[in-house]
Amino acid sequence: MKDPEKDIQDNANFNSPLGVGAKLGAGGSTAKYLREKLGGIPEQAKENLKEFNRIKKLMLEALADEDLTVKQMTGKLNMPSDEVVYYLMSLVKYGFVKTGDIDDMDEYYTYKLNK
């Protein structure tokens, strides 16, 4: 009778990015292989991450003082509203910021730090 665990491992090795029957060793050899094959992290990805972190820092500092609407953040950060919404929703998605209350006219939500 075949061992199911061995069969699963054989299938995994067969579908390996290294080719048929290749086995990956312990200690991050997959990451090492991909780094060598792809030549490291693309410069554009590094630049995008630097820009995101710069804007994230500005937004978090602005929200540290008070809860703000998108329109208030646009004015405070001197950024177009579409960019503010893009970065703000990213911060909401990753748990840095959360939705606060709705304003007095029931038009805009405020956003605040997720403490």
Protein backbone atom coordinates (compact mmCIF):
# COMPACT_ATOMS: atom_id res chain seq x y z
CA MET A 1 0.00 0.00 0.00
CA LYS A 2 1.26 3.49 -0.89
CA ASP A 3 2.04 5.99 1.82
CA PRO A 4 -0.25 9.04 1.23
CA GLU A 5 2.26 11.49 2.70
CA LYS A 6 5.02 10.26 0.39
CA ASP A 7 2.64 10.50 -2.57
CA ILE A 8 1.81 14.13 -1.68
CA GLN A 9 5.52 14.97 -1.36
CA ASP A 10 6.27 13.30 -4.70
CA ASN A 11 3.55 15.39 -6.37
CA ALA A 12 4.91 18.54 -4.75
CA ASN A 13 8.41 17.75 -5.98
CA PHE A 14 7.10 16.97 -9.46
CA ASN A 15 5.43 20.42 -9.65
CA SER A 16 8.45 22.19 -8.23
CA PRO A 17 9.58 25.42 -9.93
CA LEU A 18 13.04 23.83 -10.00
CA GLY A 19 11.87 21.09 -12.33
CA VAL A 20 10.88 17.46 -12.14
CA GLY A 21 12.12 15.67 -9.04
CA ALA A 22 13.94 18.65 -7.60
CA LYS A 23 13.88 19.00 -3.85
CA LEU A 24 14.26 22.14 -1.86
CA GLY A 25 16.38 22.04 1.25
CA ALA A 26 15.68 23.75 4.54
CA GLY A 27 16.89 27.22 5.36
CA GLY A 28 15.19 29.40 2.74
CA SER A 29 16.62 27.86 -0.39
CA THR A 30 13.40 28.75 -2.24
CA ALA A 31 13.92 32.44 -1.51
CA LYS A 32 17.60 32.15 -2.40
CA TYR A 33 16.73 30.44 -5.69
CA LEU A 34 14.15 33.08 -6.60
CA ARG A 35 16.52 35.91 -5.65
CA GLU A 36 19.19 34.47 -7.92
CA LYS A 37 16.78 33.76 -10.75
CA LEU A 38 14.95 37.09 -10.63
CA GLY A 39 17.96 39.20 -9.72
CA GLY A 40 16.62 40.54 -6.44
CA ILE A 41 13.87 43.04 -5.78
CA PRO A 42 13.14 45.34 -8.74
CA GLU A 43 14.14 48.98 -8.23
CA GLN A 44 10.62 50.17 -9.05
CA ALA A 45 9.21 48.04 -6.21
CA LYS A 46 11.76 49.54 -3.81
CA GLU A 47 10.86 53.07 -4.89
CA ASN A 48 7.12 52.37 -4.54
CA LEU A 49 7.63 51.06 -1.03
CA LYS A 50 9.69 54.12 -0.04
CA GLU A 51 6.96 56.42 -1.36
CA PHE A 52 4.22 54.46 0.41
CA ASN A 53 6.12 54.57 3.72
CA ARG A 54 6.72 58.31 3.36
CA ILE A 55 3.03 59.02 2.79
CA LYS A 56 1.99 56.55 5.49
CA LYS A 57 4.15 58.42 7.99
CA LEU A 58 2.62 61.77 6.99
CA MET A 59 -0.92 60.42 7.27
CA LEU A 60 -0.35 58.76 10.63
CA GLU A 61 1.21 61.96 12.00
CA ALA A 62 -1.78 63.98 10.77
CA LEU A 63 -4.22 61.54 12.38
CA ALA A 64 -2.28 61.53 15.66
CA ASP A 65 -3.56 65.03 16.43
CA GLU A 66 -7.23 64.56 15.55
CA ASP A 67 -9.73 62.52 13.55
CA LEU A 68 -9.91 63.79 9.97
CA THR A 69 -12.14 63.44 6.92
CA VAL A 70 -10.68 62.84 3.47
CA LYS A 71 -11.24 66.49 2.59
CA GLN A 72 -9.43 67.67 5.73
CA MET A 73 -6.51 65.32 5.04
CA THR A 74 -6.33 66.59 1.46
CA GLY A 75 -5.86 70.12 2.75
CA LYS A 76 -3.50 69.18 5.57
CA LEU A 77 -1.22 67.00 3.41
CA ASN A 78 -1.52 69.10 0.24
CA MET A 79 -2.29 65.99 -1.85
CA PRO A 80 -5.00 65.29 -4.44
CA SER A 81 -8.08 63.63 -2.95
CA ASP A 82 -7.78 60.50 -5.12
CA GLU A 83 -4.28 59.85 -3.75
CA VAL A 84 -5.44 60.50 -0.18
CA VAL A 85 -8.27 57.99 -0.63
CA TYR A 86 -5.92 55.40 -2.17
CA TYR A 87 -3.36 55.57 0.63
CA LEU A 88 -5.97 55.97 3.35
CA MET A 89 -7.86 52.85 2.22
CA SER A 90 -4.55 50.96 2.17
CA LEU A 91 -3.95 52.01 5.76
CA VAL A 92 -7.49 50.91 6.68
CA LYS A 93 -6.96 47.57 4.93
CA TYR A 94 -3.75 46.85 6.82
CA GLY A 95 -5.12 47.95 10.20
CA PHE A 96 -3.23 51.20 10.79
CA VAL A 97 -6.34 53.39 10.53
CA LYS A 98 -10.02 52.77 11.19
CA THR A 99 -13.24 54.53 10.33
CA GLY A 100 -14.47 56.94 12.96
CA ASP A 101 -17.76 58.78 13.23
CA ILE A 102 -19.76 60.42 10.48
CA ASP A 103 -19.77 64.24 10.43
CA ASP A 104 -22.67 66.47 11.57
CA MET A 105 -24.15 66.73 8.06
CA ASP A 106 -24.03 62.94 7.55
CA GLU A 107 -21.80 63.35 4.50
CA TYR A 108 -18.25 62.30 5.40
CA TYR A 109 -16.65 59.74 7.66
CA THR A 110 -13.74 60.66 9.85
CA TYR A 111 -10.73 58.41 10.11
CA LYS A 112 -8.62 57.80 13.19
CA LEU A 113 -5.60 55.81 14.28
CA ASN A 114 -6.27 52.21 15.20
CA LYS A 115 -4.85 52.15 18.74
